[in-house]
Amino acid sequence: MELKTGIVKGEIFLKHRPGEGCPDTPQRLEDIYHMLNDPDMQEIFVDVLPRKATKEEILLFHTPEYFGKIAETKGKELIAFTADTHASEDSFDAALYATGSLFSAISRVAAKKIANAFALIRPPGHHSEKSRAMGYCLFNHIVLGAIFAQTNLKLGKILIVDWDLHHGNGTQHAFARDPNVLFFSVHQAKLFPGTGSFTDRGSGPGEGYTINLPLPRGYGDAEYTAIFEQLLTPVAEQFQPELILVSAGFDTHKKDPMGGMFLTAEGFAGMTGSLKKMADKVCQGKLVMCLEGGYNCNALSESVKAVLKEMAGINCCNVSAMAAKADKKKMAYVVRRCIDVHKHSWNFI
């Protein structure tokens, strides 16, 4: 029997209300959940039921003091952690369910009960540091997911790919010294939070296991897909992870208000196709995505649909044809900078 793609969704994720003016609105997920009811999305996917992470599980990464700080927001109206990061009465529970549900998705993929999975959750996570909320993020789900996979599921090496518009500072810092977690981030340069330069490459035993590609504005479908094909694929094949986790942000879409990238739904399908091919080759298809940013609701749900159809094998993007259309100057810049920093760590093809 062919395994299906798993989806995490739940009402609890709509209850995180970070206040007026915050772009991370419940509407983002409402529109995605509504899209899942489209006729062309029926009977393709299986639901992964949300579950709550325990305090002990959150402490796999975050400090007890920080956990307590987030827990104190339960039932309160609006608590500000930074100018842009707030929690309201149900945010603590939403964040616990977001992390726990990602654990469930990873567990089911690792046990080969589902082919791959996408956790459609909020609040997002990749900016959250060990003891600090920032960038709309409370708990760092992707970091906790990787640690959970290693400690509870006894998986060894893990590849984390972050394609959000903004650099995943919390994820980078969590694994900067860890040679068993390879962090690959492609993001727009000179945006929040200001981390993730080409020369940020990890330290000590983890040196070379952090790869950052801060791109100038204007990269689109072909360039992103070519980056995955030309730079990420050879590294993944050499690293041989047992699981691929993705911080999937959709704020690189050309209609998103946050940045200056030119991706469309097809580009997200292209990156997904490249990752799926990679996962099939190195880790028996074990691929789990976790929603991060994406603030134009129409563009977000359209792009998530394209990704899900690619994950489920309903559509199969011609990845090499898309990558072949990449602008040679844009590619030369990023390939040269990446290889300059990492040529002693990885054999780029």
Protein backbone atom coordinates (compact mmCIF):
# COMPACT_ATOMS: atom_id res chain seq x y z
CA MET A 1 0.00 0.00 0.00
CA GLU A 2 1.35 3.41 -0.98
CA LEU A 3 1.92 5.72 1.96
CA LYS A 4 0.22 9.12 1.98
CA THR A 5 1.42 12.59 2.91
CA GLY A 6 0.43 13.60 6.45
CA ILE A 7 -0.98 16.99 7.37
CA VAL A 8 -1.09 18.60 10.82
CA LYS A 9 -3.94 21.06 11.30
CA GLY A 10 -6.04 22.09 14.27
CA GLU A 11 -8.33 24.75 15.74
CA ILE A 12 -5.83 25.39 18.54
CA PHE A 13 -3.42 27.05 16.06
CA LEU A 14 -6.07 29.64 15.19
CA LYS A 15 -6.34 30.64 18.85
CA HIS A 16 -2.91 32.27 18.98
CA ARG A 17 -3.84 35.94 18.59
CA PRO A 18 -0.76 38.16 18.71
CA GLY A 19 -2.71 41.43 18.55
CA GLU A 20 -3.64 44.14 16.08
CA GLY A 21 -1.07 44.90 13.43
CA CYS A 22 0.89 41.62 13.71
CA PRO A 23 1.11 40.03 10.25
CA ASP A 24 0.99 36.52 11.78
CA THR A 25 -2.82 36.47 11.83
CA PRO A 26 -5.04 33.39 12.32
CA GLN A 27 -6.32 34.15 8.78
CA ARG A 28 -3.09 32.71 7.38
CA LEU A 29 -4.05 29.25 8.58
CA GLU A 30 -7.80 29.69 8.08
CA ASP A 31 -7.17 30.21 4.36
CA ILE A 32 -4.84 27.18 4.17
CA TYR A 33 -7.35 24.97 6.00
CA HIS A 34 -10.10 26.21 3.70
CA MET A 35 -7.92 25.33 0.67
CA LEU A 36 -7.58 21.77 2.00
CA ASN A 37 -11.32 21.39 1.32
CA ASP A 38 -10.88 22.08 -2.41
CA PRO A 39 -12.14 19.22 -4.63
CA ASP A 40 -8.60 18.53 -5.96
CA MET A 41 -7.28 18.03 -2.42
CA GLN A 42 -9.68 15.29 -1.32
CA GLU A 43 -8.62 11.77 -0.22
CA ILE A 44 -4.96 12.45 -0.96
CA PHE A 45 -3.72 13.19 2.55
CA VAL A 46 -3.99 11.79 6.06
CA ASP A 47 -4.46 13.86 9.19
CA VAL A 48 -1.77 13.77 11.86
CA LEU A 49 -3.60 14.58 15.07
CA PRO A 50 -2.19 17.49 17.07
CA ARG A 51 -0.71 16.66 20.44
CA LYS A 52 0.66 18.82 23.22
CA ALA A 53 4.39 18.83 23.94
CA THR A 54 5.31 18.30 27.59
CA LYS A 55 7.41 20.69 29.65
CA GLU A 56 10.24 18.11 29.60
CA GLU A 57 10.12 18.05 25.80
CA ILE A 58 10.30 21.85 25.52
CA LEU A 59 13.28 21.77 27.91
CA LEU A 60 15.18 19.67 25.35
CA PHE A 61 16.16 23.12 24.01
CA HIS A 62 14.62 26.01 25.95
CA THR A 63 15.58 26.99 29.51
CA PRO A 64 13.23 26.34 32.47
CA GLU A 65 13.08 30.11 33.14
CA TYR A 66 12.02 30.81 29.58
CA PHE A 67 9.41 28.04 29.61
CA GLY A 68 7.99 29.61 32.78
CA LYS A 69 7.88 33.03 31.15
CA ILE A 70 5.79 31.72 28.24
CA ALA A 71 3.62 29.61 30.57
CA GLU A 72 2.76 32.73 32.58
CA THR A 73 0.97 34.23 29.56
CA LYS A 74 -1.75 31.55 29.69
CA GLY A 75 -5.15 33.14 30.18
CA LYS A 76 -3.74 36.69 29.99
CA GLU A 77 -4.84 39.25 27.45
CA LEU A 78 -1.73 40.42 25.59
CA ILE A 79 1.85 40.13 26.78
CA ALA A 80 4.68 41.72 24.76
CA PHE A 81 8.08 40.01 24.62
CA THR A 82 9.47 42.35 21.97
CA ALA A 83 7.94 45.12 19.85
CA ASP A 84 6.70 42.51 17.36
CA THR A 85 6.28 39.35 19.46
CA HIS A 86 3.24 38.93 21.68
CA ALA A 87 1.31 36.18 23.43
CA SER A 88 -2.35 36.13 24.39
CA GLU A 89 -4.53 33.80 26.47
CA ASP A 90 -4.19 30.69 24.26
CA SER A 91 -0.71 31.30 22.78
CA PHE A 92 1.11 29.07 25.28
CA ASP A 93 -1.15 26.10 24.46
CA ALA A 94 -0.95 26.82 20.72
CA ALA A 95 2.87 26.83 20.92
CA LEU A 96 2.91 23.57 22.94
CA TYR A 97 0.58 21.92 20.42
CA ALA A 98 2.64 23.27 17.51
CA THR A 99 5.80 21.64 18.86
CA GLY A 100 4.10 18.41 19.94
CA SER A 101 2.33 18.06 16.62
CA LEU A 102 5.61 18.40 14.75
CA PHE A 103 6.95 15.58 16.97
CA SER A 104 3.94 13.45 15.94
CA ALA A 105 4.57 14.14 12.26
CA ILE A 106 8.27 13.28 12.60
CA SER A 107 7.47 10.09 14.56
CA ARG A 108 4.99 8.86 11.95
CA VAL A 109 7.34 9.59 9.05
CA ALA A 110 10.25 7.89 10.88
CA ALA A 111 8.06 4.83 11.57
CA LYS A 112 7.05 4.72 7.87
CA LYS A 113 3.37 5.15 8.71
CA ILE A 114 3.17 8.11 6.32
CA ALA A 115 5.36 9.05 3.36
CA ASN A 116 6.20 12.60 4.47
CA ALA A 117 4.40 15.39 6.32
CA PHE A 118 3.63 19.09 6.54
CA ALA A 119 2.85 20.67 9.93
CA LEU A 120 0.48 23.58 9.19
CA ILE A 121 0.90 25.24 12.56
CA ARG A 122 1.45 28.59 14.27
CA PRO A 123 2.93 30.48 16.04
CA PRO A 124 6.07 30.04 13.91
CA GLY A 125 9.36 29.05 15.54
CA HIS A 126 12.68 29.56 13.78
CA HIS A 127 13.60 32.95 15.33
CA SER A 128 13.08 31.74 18.89
CA GLU A 129 16.32 31.43 20.86
CA LYS A 130 17.02 29.19 23.84
CA SER A 131 15.72 31.84 26.27
CA ARG A 132 14.25 34.55 24.07
CA ALA A 133 11.07 35.11 22.04
CA MET A 134 11.45 37.13 18.86
CA GLY A 135 10.14 37.52 15.30
CA TYR A 136 6.60 36.28 16.21
CA CYS A 137 8.16 33.03 17.54
CA LEU A 138 7.73 31.52 21.03
CA PHE A 139 9.09 27.94 20.96
CA ASN A 140 11.52 26.82 18.27
CA HIS A 141 9.64 23.82 16.83
CA ILE A 142 12.21 22.87 14.19
CA VAL A 143 15.08 22.82 16.71
CA LEU A 144 12.99 20.81 19.16
CA GLY A 145 11.92 18.47 16.33
CA ALA A 146 15.54 17.72 15.44
CA ILE A 147 16.53 17.09 19.07
CA PHE A 148 13.40 14.96 19.61
CA ALA A 149 14.26 12.86 16.53
CA GLN A 150 17.77 12.26 17.85
CA THR A 151 16.91 11.61 21.50
CA ASN A 152 13.55 9.83 21.26
CA LEU A 153 13.69 8.21 17.82
CA LYS A 154 17.44 7.52 17.83
CA LEU A 155 17.99 9.16 14.44
CA GLY A 156 21.54 10.29 13.81
CA LYS A 157 22.29 13.04 11.35
CA ILE A 158 19.61 15.59 10.47
CA LEU A 159 19.49 18.16 7.68
CA ILE A 160 17.49 21.32 8.41
CA VAL A 161 16.63 23.43 5.37
CA ASP A 162 15.26 26.93 5.97
CA TRP A 163 13.81 28.68 2.91
CA ASP A 164 11.99 31.46 4.80
CA LEU A 165 12.64 35.05 3.67
CA HIS A 166 14.23 35.74 7.07
CA HIS A 167 17.23 33.95 8.53
CA GLY A 168 16.46 31.31 11.19
CA ASN A 169 18.79 32.71 13.84
CA GLY A 170 17.45 30.48 16.64
CA THR A 171 18.02 27.34 14.58
CA GLN A 172 21.54 28.37 13.57
CA HIS A 173 22.56 29.16 17.14
CA ALA A 174 21.10 25.91 18.49
CA PHE A 175 23.31 23.76 16.25
CA ALA A 176 26.33 25.99 15.55
CA ARG A 177 28.70 23.53 17.28
CA ASP A 178 26.90 20.31 16.27
CA PRO A 179 28.32 18.22 13.38
CA ASN A 180 25.24 15.97 13.43
CA VAL A 181 22.84 18.71 12.36
CA LEU A 182 23.49 20.46 9.07
CA PHE A 183 21.70 23.82 8.81
CA PHE A 184 21.20 25.16 5.27
CA SER A 185 19.51 28.56 5.03
CA VAL A 186 18.65 30.57 1.93
CA HIS A 187 17.23 33.98 2.87
CA GLN A 188 17.11 37.61 1.75
CA ALA A 189 20.16 39.62 2.82
CA LYS A 190 19.94 42.70 5.07
CA LEU A 191 16.58 41.88 6.62
CA PHE A 192 15.52 40.97 10.18
CA PRO A 193 17.16 39.54 12.27
CA GLY A 194 20.49 40.53 10.69
CA THR A 195 22.20 37.15 11.14
CA GLY A 196 23.13 34.55 8.52
CA SER A 197 26.05 35.95 6.54
CA PHE A 198 27.96 33.71 4.09
CA THR A 199 30.82 33.46 6.60
CA ASP A 200 28.57 32.22 9.45
CA ARG A 201 29.58 28.57 9.08
CA GLY A 202 29.36 27.09 12.54
CA SER A 203 32.16 26.74 15.08
CA GLY A 204 34.31 24.13 16.79
CA PRO A 205 33.18 20.60 15.88
CA GLY A 206 30.24 22.13 13.97
CA GLU A 207 32.38 24.23 11.64
CA GLY A 208 31.16 23.80 8.05
CA TYR A 209 27.80 22.39 9.16
CA THR A 210 26.08 25.78 8.87
CA ILE A 211 25.60 27.00 5.30
CA ASN A 212 24.09 30.46 4.81
CA LEU A 213 23.10 31.97 1.49
CA PRO A 214 21.97 35.59 2.03
CA LEU A 215 20.59 36.60 -1.37
CA PRO A 216 20.13 40.08 -2.80
CA ARG A 217 16.57 40.98 -3.82
CA GLY A 218 15.13 39.63 -7.04
CA TYR A 219 15.80 35.88 -6.99
CA GLY A 220 12.92 33.78 -8.29
CA ASP A 221 11.67 30.25 -8.99
CA ALA A 222 14.53 29.17 -11.26
CA GLU A 223 17.32 30.53 -9.05
CA TYR A 224 15.99 29.02 -5.82
CA THR A 225 15.49 25.65 -7.50
CA ALA A 226 18.98 25.82 -9.03
CA ILE A 227 20.47 26.61 -5.59
CA PHE A 228 18.82 23.46 -4.22
CA GLU A 229 20.09 21.41 -7.16
CA GLN A 230 23.63 22.81 -7.44
CA LEU A 231 24.56 23.55 -3.82
CA LEU A 232 22.25 21.70 -1.44
CA THR A 233 22.00 18.35 -3.27
CA PRO A 234 25.76 17.57 -3.37
CA VAL A 235 26.10 18.55 0.29
CA ALA A 236 23.11 16.41 1.33
CA GLU A 237 24.48 13.43 -0.60
CA GLN A 238 27.82 13.80 1.16
CA PHE A 239 26.28 14.43 4.62
CA GLN A 240 23.80 11.50 4.36
CA PRO A 241 21.15 12.68 6.84
CA GLU A 242 18.56 10.26 8.23
CA LEU A 243 15.84 12.93 8.18
CA ILE A 244 15.24 16.23 6.35
CA LEU A 245 13.33 18.95 8.22
CA VAL A 246 12.21 22.15 6.49
CA SER A 247 11.42 25.56 7.95
CA ALA A 248 9.00 26.40 5.16
CA GLY A 249 8.32 30.13 5.00
CA PHE A 250 6.40 31.57 2.08
CA ASP A 251 7.33 35.24 2.47
CA THR A 252 9.69 34.92 -0.52
CA HIS A 253 6.56 34.91 -2.74
CA LYS A 254 6.54 37.84 -5.17
CA LYS A 255 3.21 39.06 -3.73
CA ASP A 256 4.34 38.94 -0.09
CA PRO A 257 4.57 42.34 1.61
CA MET A 258 7.72 41.49 3.57
CA GLY A 259 10.49 41.12 1.02
CA GLY A 260 11.80 41.52 -2.47
CA MET A 261 11.91 38.00 -3.86
CA PHE A 262 10.04 36.74 -6.93
CA LEU A 263 8.92 33.22 -6.08
CA THR A 264 5.57 31.86 -7.23
CA ALA A 265 3.74 28.66 -6.25
CA GLU A 266 5.69 26.86 -9.00
CA GLY A 267 9.01 27.79 -7.37
CA PHE A 268 7.94 26.32 -4.04
CA ALA A 269 6.93 23.16 -5.93
CA GLY A 270 10.38 23.18 -7.57
CA MET A 271 12.22 23.38 -4.25
CA THR A 272 9.96 20.67 -2.85
CA GLY A 273 10.59 18.44 -5.88
CA SER A 274 14.34 18.87 -5.39
CA LEU A 275 14.08 18.04 -1.66
CA LYS A 276 11.85 15.05 -2.31
CA LYS A 277 14.31 13.63 -4.82
CA MET A 278 17.12 14.26 -2.33
CA ALA A 279 15.19 12.62 0.54
CA ASP A 280 14.41 9.57 -1.60
CA LYS A 281 18.12 9.19 -2.33
CA VAL A 282 19.60 9.76 1.14
CA CYS A 283 16.97 8.99 3.81
CA GLN A 284 14.20 6.79 2.38
CA GLY A 285 12.03 9.83 1.66
CA LYS A 286 11.92 11.04 5.28
CA LEU A 287 10.90 14.67 4.77
CA VAL A 288 8.91 16.82 7.22
CA MET A 289 7.97 20.47 6.67
CA CYS A 290 6.99 23.02 9.28
CA LEU A 291 5.22 26.28 8.42
CA GLU A 292 7.09 29.48 9.24
CA GLY A 293 6.33 32.85 7.52
CA GLY A 294 4.15 33.93 4.58
CA TYR A 295 1.90 36.94 4.96
CA ASN A 296 -0.10 37.29 1.75
CA CYS A 297 -2.89 34.84 2.55
CA ASN A 298 -3.83 34.06 -1.08
CA ALA A 299 -0.21 33.52 -2.13
CA LEU A 300 0.37 31.44 1.00
CA SER A 301 -2.50 28.99 0.50
CA GLU A 302 -1.79 28.68 -3.25
CA SER A 303 1.89 27.95 -2.55
CA VAL A 304 1.16 25.46 0.26
CA LYS A 305 -1.20 23.65 -2.13
CA ALA A 306 1.59 23.39 -4.73
CA VAL A 307 4.01 22.05 -2.10
CA LEU A 308 1.50 19.48 -0.80
CA LYS A 309 0.70 18.23 -4.31
CA GLU A 310 4.43 17.82 -4.94
CA MET A 311 4.93 15.99 -1.63
CA ALA A 312 2.02 13.67 -2.42
CA GLY A 313 3.26 12.97 -5.96
CA ILE A 314 0.05 14.39 -7.54
CA ASN A 315 2.20 16.88 -9.43
CA CYS A 316 5.82 16.30 -10.33
CA CYS A 317 7.71 19.47 -11.16
CA ASN A 318 10.43 19.19 -13.82
CA VAL A 319 13.08 20.39 -11.41
CA SER A 320 16.04 20.33 -13.80
CA ALA A 321 14.10 22.24 -16.49
CA MET A 322 13.16 24.91 -13.91
CA ALA A 323 16.74 25.16 -12.59
CA ALA A 324 18.11 25.45 -16.14
CA LYS A 325 16.28 28.79 -16.54
CA ALA A 326 18.17 30.43 -13.65
CA ASP A 327 19.85 33.77 -14.30
CA LYS A 328 23.55 32.99 -14.76
CA LYS A 329 24.80 36.17 -13.09
CA LYS A 330 22.61 35.69 -10.02
CA MET A 331 23.74 32.07 -9.74
CA ALA A 332 27.43 32.88 -10.27
CA TYR A 333 27.31 35.32 -7.34
CA VAL A 334 25.78 32.91 -4.83
CA VAL A 335 27.66 29.80 -6.00
CA ARG A 336 31.01 31.60 -5.89
CA ARG A 337 30.41 33.03 -2.41
CA CYS A 338 29.20 29.69 -1.04
CA ILE A 339 32.07 27.67 -2.51
CA ASP A 340 34.65 30.22 -1.29
CA VAL A 341 33.50 29.68 2.30
CA HIS A 342 32.76 25.93 2.16
CA LYS A 343 35.15 24.38 -0.37
CA HIS A 344 37.21 22.71 2.38
CA SER A 345 34.12 21.23 4.05
CA TRP A 346 32.13 19.89 1.09
CA ASN A 347 32.78 18.50 -2.40
CA PHE A 348 30.60 20.67 -4.60
CA ILE A 349 29.86 19.17 -8.00
